[in-house]
Structure formats: C-alpha cells, structure tokens
C-alpha cells in the first residue's frame, strides 16, 4: 500500500525557516508529479508548489514565490519544501501530494499525505 509520510512542521517565528519532507513508502512503479498543498484556518486547500519527475520543472503559488523552494530526490522517493521568510499568513496544514503509478499495468493515481501543521507566530 502506497503512503506519503510528511515531517518537519512546527512552530516558528515570523521571518524564520522550516523544511518539510515527504517520503513515499510501499510498493510502486513510478512517482510522477509531486507537490505541496496547504489549508489555512477557514480557507480552501491551495497549491503551494509542485515539481515534475524528469526535468524537475517547478511551479509556485504567487504568494510563496521567492521564499519557498521545492525539490525532490528521486532515489529516495522524497520531496522537500524549504520555507524561508515565513509569515503568519503561511500558517496552515501542509499536505504532500503525488501522482503514483503502482505497477506498470496500472494507471497513475493521486495520493495525499496526512498533513503537517506549520504555525508562524508574529
């Protein structure tokens, strides 16, 4: 069974940094697009950043561009989110997301992690 396990959330002061990690575990054939979403209090879940497998092409939400960096280590089946210059409005539950092909004969499915809380104090 495929699982995405996140780590690295916590409490940080405004201007500080955090690094989130998400590792895919279980048996699978291939991981394609990986990304991070977040859901703040009373808000809808939104895309923060994504990264493709082969070329490492990245995409960022306008609100985090220049402050957050997404990267991945395909050998470790892991995606990272380096968050710098954090603001109180970055406070949210951050979710890892990935398109994973379980076997060569199955179609790619979308998976979510359980979420990790990031709280930025002013």
C-alpha atoms as a PDB file:
ATOM      1  CA  UNK A   1       0.000   0.000   0.000  1.00  0.00           C
ATOM      2  CA  UNK A   2       1.385   3.371  -1.004  1.00  0.00           C
ATOM      3  CA  UNK A   3       1.721   6.017   1.697  1.00  0.00           C
ATOM      4  CA  UNK A   4       3.046   9.553   1.812  1.00  0.00           C
ATOM      5  CA  UNK A   5       4.604  10.451   5.146  1.00  0.00           C
ATOM      6  CA  UNK A   6       5.350  14.077   5.945  1.00  0.00           C
ATOM      7  CA  UNK A   7       7.630  15.554   8.572  1.00  0.00           C
ATOM      8  CA  UNK A   8       9.173  18.869   9.507  1.00  0.00           C
ATOM      9  CA  UNK A   9       6.241  21.012  10.558  1.00  0.00           C
ATOM     10  CA  UNK A  10       6.206  23.036  13.740  1.00  0.00           C
ATOM     11  CA  UNK A  11       6.048  26.446  15.333  1.00  0.00           C
ATOM     12  CA  UNK A  12       8.327  29.213  14.122  1.00  0.00           C
ATOM     13  CA  UNK A  13       8.514  32.973  14.484  1.00  0.00           C
ATOM     14  CA  UNK A  14       7.852  35.262  11.559  1.00  0.00           C
ATOM     15  CA  UNK A  15      10.949  35.551   9.394  1.00  0.00           C
ATOM     16  CA  UNK A  16      12.097  32.084  10.330  1.00  0.00           C
ATOM     17  CA  UNK A  17      12.533  28.948   8.244  1.00  0.00           C
ATOM     18  CA  UNK A  18      11.249  25.399   8.169  1.00  0.00           C
ATOM     19  CA  UNK A  19      11.913  22.446   5.907  1.00  0.00           C
ATOM     20  CA  UNK A  20       9.199  19.934   5.162  1.00  0.00           C
ATOM     21  CA  UNK A  21       9.894  16.439   3.887  1.00  0.00           C
ATOM     22  CA  UNK A  22       7.584  13.870   2.367  1.00  0.00           C
ATOM     23  CA  UNK A  23       8.585  10.311   1.554  1.00  0.00           C
ATOM     24  CA  UNK A  24       6.586   7.795  -0.421  1.00  0.00           C
ATOM     25  CA  UNK A  25       6.622   4.303   1.050  1.00  0.00           C
ATOM     26  CA  UNK A  26       5.248   0.959  -0.045  1.00  0.00           C
ATOM     27  CA  UNK A  27       5.472  -0.787  -3.388  1.00  0.00           C
ATOM     28  CA  UNK A  28       5.062   1.242  -6.550  1.00  0.00           C
ATOM     29  CA  UNK A  29       6.497   1.547 -10.034  1.00  0.00           C
ATOM     30  CA  UNK A  30       6.875   5.275 -10.587  1.00  0.00           C
ATOM     31  CA  UNK A  31       6.252   8.665  -8.999  1.00  0.00           C
ATOM     32  CA  UNK A  32       5.425  11.449 -11.413  1.00  0.00           C
ATOM     33  CA  UNK A  33       4.390  14.907 -10.254  1.00  0.00           C
ATOM     34  CA  UNK A  34       4.949  15.723  -6.568  1.00  0.00           C
ATOM     35  CA  UNK A  35       3.781  18.783  -4.732  1.00  0.00           C
ATOM     36  CA  UNK A  36       2.725  20.554  -1.590  1.00  0.00           C
ATOM     37  CA  UNK A  37      -0.678  21.998  -0.792  1.00  0.00           C
ATOM     38  CA  UNK A  38      -1.831  23.884   2.275  1.00  0.00           C
ATOM     39  CA  UNK A  39      -5.076  24.654   4.014  1.00  0.00           C
ATOM     40  CA  UNK A  40      -5.232  27.562   6.395  1.00  0.00           C
ATOM     41  CA  UNK A  41      -7.945  28.137   9.004  1.00  0.00           C
ATOM     42  CA  UNK A  42     -11.245  28.781   7.256  1.00  0.00           C
ATOM     43  CA  UNK A  43      -9.632  28.575   3.840  1.00  0.00           C
ATOM     44  CA  UNK A  44      -9.728  26.202   0.920  1.00  0.00           C
ATOM     45  CA  UNK A  45      -6.817  23.914   0.184  1.00  0.00           C
ATOM     46  CA  UNK A  46      -4.433  25.544  -2.270  1.00  0.00           C
ATOM     47  CA  UNK A  47      -1.399  24.531  -4.273  1.00  0.00           C
ATOM     48  CA  UNK A  48       1.866  25.808  -2.814  1.00  0.00           C
ATOM     49  CA  UNK A  49       4.405  24.266  -5.174  1.00  0.00           C
ATOM     50  CA  UNK A  50       4.908  21.306  -7.484  1.00  0.00           C
ATOM     51  CA  UNK A  51       7.811  19.625  -9.265  1.00  0.00           C
ATOM     52  CA  UNK A  52       7.977  17.189 -12.145  1.00  0.00           C
ATOM     53  CA  UNK A  53       9.975  13.998 -12.086  1.00  0.00           C
ATOM     54  CA  UNK A  54      12.301  14.097 -15.063  1.00  0.00           C
ATOM     55  CA  UNK A  55      13.140  17.738 -15.676  1.00  0.00           C
ATOM     56  CA  UNK A  56      12.393  18.985 -12.182  1.00  0.00           C
ATOM     57  CA  UNK A  57      10.206  21.725 -13.572  1.00  0.00           C
ATOM     58  CA  UNK A  58       8.742  23.719 -10.696  1.00  0.00           C
ATOM     59  CA  UNK A  59       5.577  25.721 -10.209  1.00  0.00           C
ATOM     60  CA  UNK A  60       4.856  28.033  -7.281  1.00  0.00           C
ATOM     61  CA  UNK A  61       1.914  29.908  -5.890  1.00  0.00           C
ATOM     62  CA  UNK A  62       2.411  33.621  -6.296  1.00  0.00           C
ATOM     63  CA  UNK A  63       2.259  34.135  -2.535  1.00  0.00           C
ATOM     64  CA  UNK A  64       5.319  31.963  -1.871  1.00  0.00           C
ATOM     65  CA  UNK A  65       7.461  32.618  -4.929  1.00  0.00           C
ATOM     66  CA  UNK A  66      10.929  33.764  -3.907  1.00  0.00           C
ATOM     67  CA  UNK A  67      10.515  32.482  -0.345  1.00  0.00           C
ATOM     68  CA  UNK A  68       9.802  28.762  -0.765  1.00  0.00           C
ATOM     69  CA  UNK A  69      11.800  26.208  -2.739  1.00  0.00           C
ATOM     70  CA  UNK A  70      10.565  22.772  -3.743  1.00  0.00           C
ATOM     71  CA  UNK A  71      12.994  19.988  -4.588  1.00  0.00           C
ATOM     72  CA  UNK A  72      12.985  16.221  -4.839  1.00  0.00           C
ATOM     73  CA  UNK A  73      15.303  13.261  -4.526  1.00  0.00           C
ATOM     74  CA  UNK A  74      14.001  10.567  -6.859  1.00  0.00           C
ATOM     75  CA  UNK A  75      16.349   7.936  -5.431  1.00  0.00           C
ATOM     76  CA  UNK A  76      14.793   8.486  -2.004  1.00  0.00           C
ATOM     77  CA  UNK A  77      11.226   8.977  -3.284  1.00  0.00           C
ATOM     78  CA  UNK A  78      11.191  12.206  -1.314  1.00  0.00           C
ATOM     79  CA  UNK A  79      10.037  15.747  -1.954  1.00  0.00           C
ATOM     80  CA  UNK A  80      11.107  18.728   0.135  1.00  0.00           C
ATOM     81  CA  UNK A  81       9.762  22.194   0.751  1.00  0.00           C
ATOM     82  CA  UNK A  82      12.238  24.737   2.082  1.00  0.00           C
ATOM     83  CA  UNK A  83      10.288  27.629   3.540  1.00  0.00           C
ATOM     84  CA  UNK A  84      12.135  30.866   4.303  1.00  0.00           C
ATOM     85  CA  UNK A  85      10.975  34.295   5.428  1.00  0.00           C
ATOM     86  CA  UNK A  86       7.852  32.749   6.860  1.00  0.00           C
ATOM     87  CA  UNK A  87       4.857  34.967   7.530  1.00  0.00           C
ATOM     88  CA  UNK A  88       1.876  34.476   9.856  1.00  0.00           C
ATOM     89  CA  UNK A  89      -0.309  34.026   6.780  1.00  0.00           C
ATOM     90  CA  UNK A  90       1.711  30.900   5.928  1.00  0.00           C
ATOM     91  CA  UNK A  91       0.132  29.214   8.930  1.00  0.00           C
ATOM     92  CA  UNK A  92      -1.677  26.137   7.662  1.00  0.00           C
ATOM     93  CA  UNK A  93      -1.722  22.386   7.496  1.00  0.00           C
ATOM     94  CA  UNK A  94       0.639  21.414   4.699  1.00  0.00           C
ATOM     95  CA  UNK A  95      -0.153  18.328   2.651  1.00  0.00           C
ATOM     96  CA  UNK A  96       2.110  16.334   0.400  1.00  0.00           C
ATOM     97  CA  UNK A  97       0.618  15.193  -2.886  1.00  0.00           C
ATOM     98  CA  UNK A  98       1.912  12.837  -5.547  1.00  0.00           C
ATOM     99  CA  UNK A  99       0.866  11.094  -8.738  1.00  0.00           C
ATOM    100  CA  UNK A 100       1.991   7.496  -8.330  1.00  0.00           C
ATOM    101  CA  UNK A 101       1.796   4.556 -10.700  1.00  0.00           C
ATOM    102  CA  UNK A 102       1.518   1.435  -8.546  1.00  0.00           C
ATOM    103  CA  UNK A 103       2.579  -1.069 -11.224  1.00  0.00           C
ATOM    104  CA  UNK A 104       3.482  -0.976 -14.898  1.00  0.00           C
ATOM    105  CA  UNK A 105      -0.016  -2.139 -15.866  1.00  0.00           C
ATOM    106  CA  UNK A 106      -1.973   0.238 -13.615  1.00  0.00           C
ATOM    107  CA  UNK A 107      -2.833   3.856 -14.240  1.00  0.00           C
ATOM    108  CA  UNK A 108      -1.368   6.658 -12.167  1.00  0.00           C
ATOM    109  CA  UNK A 109      -3.385   7.593  -9.096  1.00  0.00           C
ATOM    110  CA  UNK A 110      -3.229  10.649  -6.874  1.00  0.00           C
ATOM    111  CA  UNK A 111      -2.172  10.282  -3.243  1.00  0.00           C
ATOM    112  CA  UNK A 112      -2.225  12.586  -0.228  1.00  0.00           C
ATOM    113  CA  UNK A 113      -0.203  12.659   2.937  1.00  0.00           C
ATOM    114  CA  UNK A 114      -1.798  13.070   6.342  1.00  0.00           C
ATOM    115  CA  UNK A 115      -0.709  16.694   6.693  1.00  0.00           C
ATOM    116  CA  UNK A 116       1.717  18.514   8.945  1.00  0.00           C
ATOM    117  CA  UNK A 117       0.952  21.690  10.883  1.00  0.00           C
ATOM    118  CA  UNK A 118       3.001  24.814  10.275  1.00  0.00           C
ATOM    119  CA  UNK A 119       2.357  27.715  12.632  1.00  0.00           C
ATOM    120  CA  UNK A 120       4.062  31.072  12.189  1.00  0.00           C
ATOM    121  CA  UNK A 121       3.812  33.463  15.104  1.00  0.00           C
ATOM    122  CA  UNK A 122       4.027  37.218  14.693  1.00  0.00           C
END
